[in-house]
Amino acid sequence: MKHRIVSAERAKGNLIPVVVRFTFTGFQQEPDLETEPSVTIEAAFLLLYSLTNDEGITEEHVKAFADLNGVYNAWPYWREFVQNTIARMELPPLTIPVFRIVSPDKTKPRTKTGKKADAKKGAATSRRKSVKKKSAAKKAT
């Protein structure tokens, strides 16, 4: 899946039109059957942002804003478009993941690891087991 900002330039009247183009390419699961994509879905979305005050905003600011916000704001519509198109083609259901913004210095997702996390997990499992035992004991009486 690819995306790119087609255009993002300030227009008259403090408007910023941003065009985002997405492409989804799908292949069959069997790797030897095809080298060509089984399906390709493309869409472009026009997002129109309005500035109340453009004082101090440069074209570099506009481009940076479009690169992040344009994709982020168009993503839900892209997800729905792909899912709907796949369904209309009577292909197996496909869910495009939620768009997540990851800061450059935090490329690894946060996960709980270590003794504290293991202890919490063990405590939660123990509580579930004791609740099940109590439920079973009440049913037996």
Protein backbone atom coordinates (compact mmCIF):
# COMPACT_ATOMS: atom_id res chain seq x y z
CA MET A 1 0.00 0.00 0.00
CA LYS A 2 1.37 3.38 -0.97
CA HIS A 3 0.32 6.96 -0.54
CA ARG A 4 1.64 10.28 -1.72
CA ILE A 5 0.72 13.92 -1.48
CA VAL A 6 -0.06 15.06 -5.01
CA SER A 7 -0.34 18.75 -4.22
CA ALA A 8 -0.36 21.01 -1.22
CA GLU A 9 -0.06 24.70 -1.97
CA ARG A 10 -1.69 27.68 -0.43
CA ALA A 11 -4.58 28.99 -2.48
CA LYS A 12 -6.40 32.32 -2.38
CA GLY A 13 -8.44 33.13 0.68
CA ASN A 14 -6.27 31.26 3.22
CA LEU A 15 -7.27 27.88 1.79
CA ILE A 16 -4.93 24.90 1.59
CA PRO A 17 -6.11 22.23 -0.85
CA VAL A 18 -4.34 18.90 -0.28
CA VAL A 19 -4.68 16.01 -2.71
CA VAL A 20 -3.69 12.60 -1.33
CA ARG A 21 -3.40 9.60 -3.66
CA PHE A 22 -3.50 6.04 -2.29
CA THR A 23 -2.73 2.76 -4.04
CA PHE A 24 -3.47 -0.74 -2.76
CA THR A 25 -2.00 -3.72 -4.59
CA GLY A 26 -3.01 -7.27 -3.65
CA PHE A 27 -1.51 -10.59 -4.66
CA GLN A 28 -2.79 -14.13 -4.29
CA GLN A 29 -1.46 -16.10 -1.34
CA GLU A 30 0.19 -18.76 -3.49
CA PRO A 31 3.50 -17.13 -4.46
CA ASP A 32 4.17 -19.17 -7.62
CA LEU A 33 0.82 -18.56 -9.31
CA GLU A 34 1.17 -14.92 -10.31
CA THR A 35 3.74 -12.20 -10.38
CA GLU A 36 1.18 -9.64 -11.52
CA PRO A 37 -1.14 -8.17 -8.87
CA SER A 38 -4.54 -9.81 -8.49
CA VAL A 39 -6.14 -6.50 -7.63
CA THR A 40 -5.10 -2.85 -7.63
CA ILE A 41 -7.24 -0.14 -6.06
CA GLU A 42 -6.40 3.53 -6.42
CA ALA A 43 -8.11 6.64 -5.10
CA ALA A 44 -7.36 10.33 -4.71
CA PHE A 45 -8.93 12.50 -2.03
CA LEU A 46 -9.14 16.29 -2.01
CA LEU A 47 -8.97 17.81 1.45
CA LEU A 48 -9.58 21.52 1.81
CA TYR A 49 -8.21 23.23 4.91
CA SER A 50 -8.98 26.80 5.89
CA LEU A 51 -6.60 29.03 7.85
CA THR A 52 -8.01 31.72 10.10
CA ASN A 53 -4.64 33.49 10.09
CA ASP A 54 -1.77 32.60 7.80
CA GLU A 55 0.72 35.01 9.32
CA GLY A 56 4.16 33.40 9.60
CA ILE A 57 3.15 30.24 7.73
CA THR A 58 5.58 29.31 4.97
CA GLU A 59 5.22 26.86 2.09
CA GLU A 60 7.47 24.52 4.08
CA HIS A 61 4.94 24.62 6.93
CA VAL A 62 2.11 23.90 4.48
CA LYS A 63 4.00 20.93 3.03
CA ALA A 64 4.78 19.50 6.48
CA PHE A 65 1.16 19.95 7.53
CA ALA A 66 -0.09 18.23 4.36
CA ASP A 67 2.35 15.33 4.65
CA LEU A 68 1.02 14.33 8.05
CA ASN A 69 -2.50 15.71 8.36
CA GLY A 70 -3.53 15.08 4.78
CA VAL A 71 -2.82 11.36 5.01
CA TYR A 72 -4.11 11.10 8.58
CA ASN A 73 -7.43 12.81 7.76
CA ALA A 74 -8.00 10.95 4.47
CA TRP A 75 -7.08 7.52 5.88
CA PRO A 76 -10.54 6.56 7.28
CA TYR A 77 -12.13 7.29 3.91
CA TRP A 78 -9.43 5.27 2.16
CA ARG A 79 -10.00 2.32 4.51
CA GLU A 80 -13.74 2.38 3.84
CA PHE A 81 -13.20 2.71 0.09
CA VAL A 82 -10.89 -0.33 -0.05
CA GLN A 83 -13.12 -2.46 2.19
CA ASN A 84 -16.24 -1.52 0.20
CA THR A 85 -14.54 -2.10 -3.17
CA ILE A 86 -13.22 -5.50 -2.07
CA ALA A 87 -16.72 -6.48 -0.87
CA ARG A 88 -18.31 -5.38 -4.15
CA MET A 89 -15.77 -7.51 -6.02
CA GLU A 90 -16.91 -10.46 -3.87
CA LEU A 91 -13.38 -11.07 -2.64
CA PRO A 92 -12.61 -12.23 0.91
CA PRO A 93 -13.02 -9.44 3.48
CA LEU A 94 -10.02 -7.18 3.98
CA THR A 95 -9.48 -4.63 6.72
CA ILE A 96 -6.94 -1.87 6.21
CA PRO A 97 -5.28 -1.12 9.58
CA VAL A 98 -5.84 2.08 11.51
CA PHE A 99 -3.30 4.80 10.65
CA ARG A 100 -0.86 5.20 13.51
CA ILE A 101 1.53 8.09 13.90
CA VAL A 102 4.88 6.97 15.27
CA SER A 103 7.36 9.57 16.40
CA PRO A 104 10.76 9.17 14.70
CA ASP A 105 12.56 8.52 17.98
CA LYS A 106 10.11 5.80 19.03
CA THR A 107 10.09 3.33 16.17
CA LYS A 108 9.40 0.32 18.39
CA PRO A 109 5.86 -0.10 19.73
CA ARG A 110 5.50 0.00 23.47
CA THR A 111 5.06 -3.37 25.12
CA LYS A 112 5.12 -4.34 28.73
CA THR A 113 8.03 -6.62 29.43
CA GLY A 114 9.97 -7.68 32.44
CA LYS A 115 9.17 -8.95 35.91
CA LYS A 116 6.46 -6.38 36.74
CA ALA A 117 4.50 -7.12 33.56
CA ASP A 118 4.83 -10.86 34.13
CA ALA A 119 3.72 -10.45 37.74
CA LYS A 120 0.67 -8.42 36.67
CA LYS A 121 -0.20 -10.99 34.02
CA GLY A 122 0.15 -13.80 36.56
CA ALA A 123 -2.00 -11.95 39.10
CA ALA A 124 -4.73 -11.37 36.52
CA THR A 125 -4.67 -15.05 35.54
CA SER A 126 -4.84 -16.08 39.21
CA ARG A 127 -7.84 -13.80 39.81
CA ARG A 128 -9.66 -15.27 36.78
CA LYS A 129 -8.98 -18.80 38.02
CA SER A 130 -10.26 -18.00 41.53
CA VAL A 131 -13.41 -16.38 40.12
CA LYS A 132 -14.05 -19.48 37.99
CA LYS A 133 -13.52 -21.74 41.03
CA LYS A 134 -15.96 -19.65 43.11
CA SER A 135 -18.54 -19.75 40.29
CA ALA A 136 -18.17 -23.51 40.00
CA ALA A 137 -18.49 -23.91 43.76
CA LYS A 138 -21.72 -21.87 43.84
CA LYS A 139 -23.22 -23.92 41.01
CA ALA A 140 -22.37 -27.15 42.81
CA THR A 141 -24.26 -26.11 45.98
